[in-house]
């Protein structure tokens, strides 16, 4: 049995397939020096520069409140709002989940309460 599994005793076509696979791997390893690196995703961060920060113009209380609400509206425009059907589906799922969890916790509370009363003779 061990003699059948020795290297070199198999089909010669297996060696050709292995050689082709190795050649393909070597082709993938060749890197063009002018090519841009491929990004792998992640968090975008602002680049830091050696320039000094611009002076922040001081605004009054009402200016800051107005800027806050403008930013809130800007962020709310980016939200993908669910359709009516999606909203009803999500609401039904949440209510069903809460009902099931409430039932489970209620039965555990009842069972553990009975066990404690039994254990301490209450």
C-alpha atoms as a PDB file:
ATOM      1  CA  UNK A   1       0.000   0.000   0.000  1.00  0.00           C
ATOM      2  CA  UNK A   2       2.766   2.451   0.883  1.00  0.00           C
ATOM      3  CA  UNK A   3       4.553   1.686  -2.388  1.00  0.00           C
ATOM      4  CA  UNK A   4       1.580   2.895  -4.427  1.00  0.00           C
ATOM      5  CA  UNK A   5       1.732   6.340  -2.810  1.00  0.00           C
ATOM      6  CA  UNK A   6       5.393   7.001  -3.546  1.00  0.00           C
ATOM      7  CA  UNK A   7       6.125  10.175  -5.516  1.00  0.00           C
ATOM      8  CA  UNK A   8       6.931   9.596  -9.157  1.00  0.00           C
ATOM      9  CA  UNK A   9       4.907   6.399  -9.496  1.00  0.00           C
ATOM     10  CA  UNK A  10       1.684   8.176 -10.441  1.00  0.00           C
ATOM     11  CA  UNK A  11       0.328   9.223 -13.780  1.00  0.00           C
ATOM     12  CA  UNK A  12       2.752  11.422 -15.782  1.00  0.00           C
ATOM     13  CA  UNK A  13      -0.161  13.758 -16.496  1.00  0.00           C
ATOM     14  CA  UNK A  14      -0.256  14.606 -12.769  1.00  0.00           C
ATOM     15  CA  UNK A  15       3.281  15.976 -13.011  1.00  0.00           C
ATOM     16  CA  UNK A  16       2.276  18.176 -15.963  1.00  0.00           C
ATOM     17  CA  UNK A  17      -0.715  19.546 -14.032  1.00  0.00           C
ATOM     18  CA  UNK A  18       1.534  20.276 -11.057  1.00  0.00           C
ATOM     19  CA  UNK A  19       4.109  21.999 -13.296  1.00  0.00           C
ATOM     20  CA  UNK A  20       1.353  24.132 -14.882  1.00  0.00           C
ATOM     21  CA  UNK A  21       0.040  25.123 -11.452  1.00  0.00           C
ATOM     22  CA  UNK A  22       3.523  26.133 -10.301  1.00  0.00           C
ATOM     23  CA  UNK A  23       4.024  28.162 -13.481  1.00  0.00           C
ATOM     24  CA  UNK A  24       0.688  29.940 -12.919  1.00  0.00           C
ATOM     25  CA  UNK A  25       1.697  30.791  -9.354  1.00  0.00           C
ATOM     26  CA  UNK A  26       5.004  32.195 -10.546  1.00  0.00           C
ATOM     27  CA  UNK A  27       3.188  34.371 -13.115  1.00  0.00           C
ATOM     28  CA  UNK A  28       0.974  35.785 -10.365  1.00  0.00           C
ATOM     29  CA  UNK A  29       4.036  36.658  -8.291  1.00  0.00           C
ATOM     30  CA  UNK A  30       5.464  38.871 -11.044  1.00  0.00           C
ATOM     31  CA  UNK A  31       4.699  42.453 -10.074  1.00  0.00           C
ATOM     32  CA  UNK A  32       4.776  45.482 -12.335  1.00  0.00           C
ATOM     33  CA  UNK A  33       6.816  48.209 -10.640  1.00  0.00           C
ATOM     34  CA  UNK A  34       4.565  50.952 -12.068  1.00  0.00           C
ATOM     35  CA  UNK A  35       1.323  49.330 -10.904  1.00  0.00           C
ATOM     36  CA  UNK A  36      -0.702  50.929  -8.126  1.00  0.00           C
ATOM     37  CA  UNK A  37      -1.166  48.835  -5.000  1.00  0.00           C
ATOM     38  CA  UNK A  38      -4.543  47.175  -4.737  1.00  0.00           C
ATOM     39  CA  UNK A  39      -6.609  48.442  -1.823  1.00  0.00           C
ATOM     40  CA  UNK A  40      -8.142  45.925   0.532  1.00  0.00           C
ATOM     41  CA  UNK A  41     -10.871  48.204   1.901  1.00  0.00           C
ATOM     42  CA  UNK A  42     -10.898  49.563   5.399  1.00  0.00           C
ATOM     43  CA  UNK A  43     -11.512  52.853   7.048  1.00  0.00           C
ATOM     44  CA  UNK A  44     -10.787  56.025   5.168  1.00  0.00           C
ATOM     45  CA  UNK A  45      -8.578  58.379   7.099  1.00  0.00           C
ATOM     46  CA  UNK A  46      -7.554  61.898   6.281  1.00  0.00           C
ATOM     47  CA  UNK A  47      -3.922  62.363   5.431  1.00  0.00           C
ATOM     48  CA  UNK A  48      -1.964  64.483   7.832  1.00  0.00           C
ATOM     49  CA  UNK A  49      -0.033  67.330   6.380  1.00  0.00           C
ATOM     50  CA  UNK A  50       2.785  69.481   7.661  1.00  0.00           C
ATOM     51  CA  UNK A  51       0.708  72.609   7.065  1.00  0.00           C
ATOM     52  CA  UNK A  52      -0.585  74.407  10.120  1.00  0.00           C
ATOM     53  CA  UNK A  53      -4.315  74.152  10.736  1.00  0.00           C
ATOM     54  CA  UNK A  54      -6.500  76.937   9.477  1.00  0.00           C
ATOM     55  CA  UNK A  55      -7.867  79.220  12.101  1.00  0.00           C
ATOM     56  CA  UNK A  56     -11.364  78.242  13.065  1.00  0.00           C
ATOM     57  CA  UNK A  57     -13.697  81.179  12.840  1.00  0.00           C
ATOM     58  CA  UNK A  58     -15.577  81.618  16.075  1.00  0.00           C
ATOM     59  CA  UNK A  59     -19.303  81.708  15.608  1.00  0.00           C
ATOM     60  CA  UNK A  60     -21.941  82.601  18.083  1.00  0.00           C
ATOM     61  CA  UNK A  61     -24.288  80.251  19.864  1.00  0.00           C
ATOM     62  CA  UNK A  62     -26.969  80.528  17.180  1.00  0.00           C
ATOM     63  CA  UNK A  63     -24.434  79.936  14.410  1.00  0.00           C
ATOM     64  CA  UNK A  64     -23.290  76.724  16.053  1.00  0.00           C
ATOM     65  CA  UNK A  65     -26.867  75.553  16.584  1.00  0.00           C
ATOM     66  CA  UNK A  66     -27.658  76.284  12.930  1.00  0.00           C
ATOM     67  CA  UNK A  67     -24.548  74.410  11.794  1.00  0.00           C
ATOM     68  CA  UNK A  68     -25.554  71.454  13.953  1.00  0.00           C
ATOM     69  CA  UNK A  69     -29.005  71.240  12.358  1.00  0.00           C
ATOM     70  CA  UNK A  70     -27.543  71.620   8.860  1.00  0.00           C
ATOM     71  CA  UNK A  71     -25.240  68.670   9.575  1.00  0.00           C
ATOM     72  CA  UNK A  72     -28.151  66.646  10.973  1.00  0.00           C
ATOM     73  CA  UNK A  73     -30.196  67.237   7.817  1.00  0.00           C
ATOM     74  CA  UNK A  74     -27.165  66.389   5.682  1.00  0.00           C
ATOM     75  CA  UNK A  75     -26.700  63.055   7.498  1.00  0.00           C
ATOM     76  CA  UNK A  76     -30.413  62.227   7.328  1.00  0.00           C
ATOM     77  CA  UNK A  77     -30.320  62.630   3.548  1.00  0.00           C
ATOM     78  CA  UNK A  78     -27.729  59.818   3.418  1.00  0.00           C
ATOM     79  CA  UNK A  79     -30.027  57.367   5.238  1.00  0.00           C
ATOM     80  CA  UNK A  80     -31.700  54.658   3.178  1.00  0.00           C
ATOM     81  CA  UNK A  81     -35.236  54.680   4.550  1.00  0.00           C
ATOM     82  CA  UNK A  82     -37.208  51.407   4.531  1.00  0.00           C
ATOM     83  CA  UNK A  83     -40.335  51.057   2.429  1.00  0.00           C
ATOM     84  CA  UNK A  84     -43.704  50.610   4.135  1.00  0.00           C
ATOM     85  CA  UNK A  85     -43.618  46.850   3.478  1.00  0.00           C
ATOM     86  CA  UNK A  86     -40.094  46.525   4.927  1.00  0.00           C
ATOM     87  CA  UNK A  87     -41.082  48.594   7.956  1.00  0.00           C
ATOM     88  CA  UNK A  88     -44.101  46.374   8.679  1.00  0.00           C
ATOM     89  CA  UNK A  89     -41.978  43.234   8.218  1.00  0.00           C
ATOM     90  CA  UNK A  90     -39.249  44.496  10.563  1.00  0.00           C
ATOM     91  CA  UNK A  91     -41.825  45.604  13.144  1.00  0.00           C
ATOM     92  CA  UNK A  92     -43.556  42.208  13.070  1.00  0.00           C
ATOM     93  CA  UNK A  93     -40.243  40.395  13.488  1.00  0.00           C
ATOM     94  CA  UNK A  94     -39.237  42.571  16.441  1.00  0.00           C
ATOM     95  CA  UNK A  95     -42.599  42.159  18.196  1.00  0.00           C
ATOM     96  CA  UNK A  96     -42.527  38.376  17.682  1.00  0.00           C
ATOM     97  CA  UNK A  97     -38.952  38.147  18.956  1.00  0.00           C
ATOM     98  CA  UNK A  98     -39.749  40.220  22.055  1.00  0.00           C
ATOM     99  CA  UNK A  99     -42.835  38.071  22.753  1.00  0.00           C
ATOM    100  CA  UNK A 100     -40.812  34.841  22.491  1.00  0.00           C
ATOM    101  CA  UNK A 101     -38.000  36.164  24.686  1.00  0.00           C
ATOM    102  CA  UNK A 102     -40.492  37.469  27.275  1.00  0.00           C
ATOM    103  CA  UNK A 103     -42.137  34.050  27.400  1.00  0.00           C
ATOM    104  CA  UNK A 104     -38.799  32.281  27.833  1.00  0.00           C
ATOM    105  CA  UNK A 105     -37.663  34.640  30.599  1.00  0.00           C
ATOM    106  CA  UNK A 106     -41.060  34.397  32.311  1.00  0.00           C
ATOM    107  CA  UNK A 107     -40.963  30.593  32.392  1.00  0.00           C
ATOM    108  CA  UNK A 108     -37.345  30.613  33.610  1.00  0.00           C
ATOM    109  CA  UNK A 109     -38.311  33.063  36.373  1.00  0.00           C
ATOM    110  CA  UNK A 110     -41.278  30.932  37.379  1.00  0.00           C
ATOM    111  CA  UNK A 111     -39.230  27.714  37.353  1.00  0.00           C
ATOM    112  CA  UNK A 112     -36.279  29.145  39.252  1.00  0.00           C
ATOM    113  CA  UNK A 113     -38.637  30.757  41.789  1.00  0.00           C
ATOM    114  CA  UNK A 114     -40.330  27.401  42.410  1.00  0.00           C
ATOM    115  CA  UNK A 115     -36.917  25.703  42.697  1.00  0.00           C
ATOM    116  CA  UNK A 116     -35.713  28.242  45.283  1.00  0.00           C
ATOM    117  CA  UNK A 117     -38.929  27.882  47.317  1.00  0.00           C
ATOM    118  CA  UNK A 118     -38.617  24.086  47.185  1.00  0.00           C
ATOM    119  CA  UNK A 119     -34.900  24.183  48.127  1.00  0.00           C
ATOM    120  CA  UNK A 120     -35.366  26.473  51.114  1.00  0.00           C
ATOM    121  CA  UNK A 121     -38.772  25.163  52.195  1.00  0.00           C
ATOM    122  CA  UNK A 122     -40.801  28.272  51.602  1.00  0.00           C
END
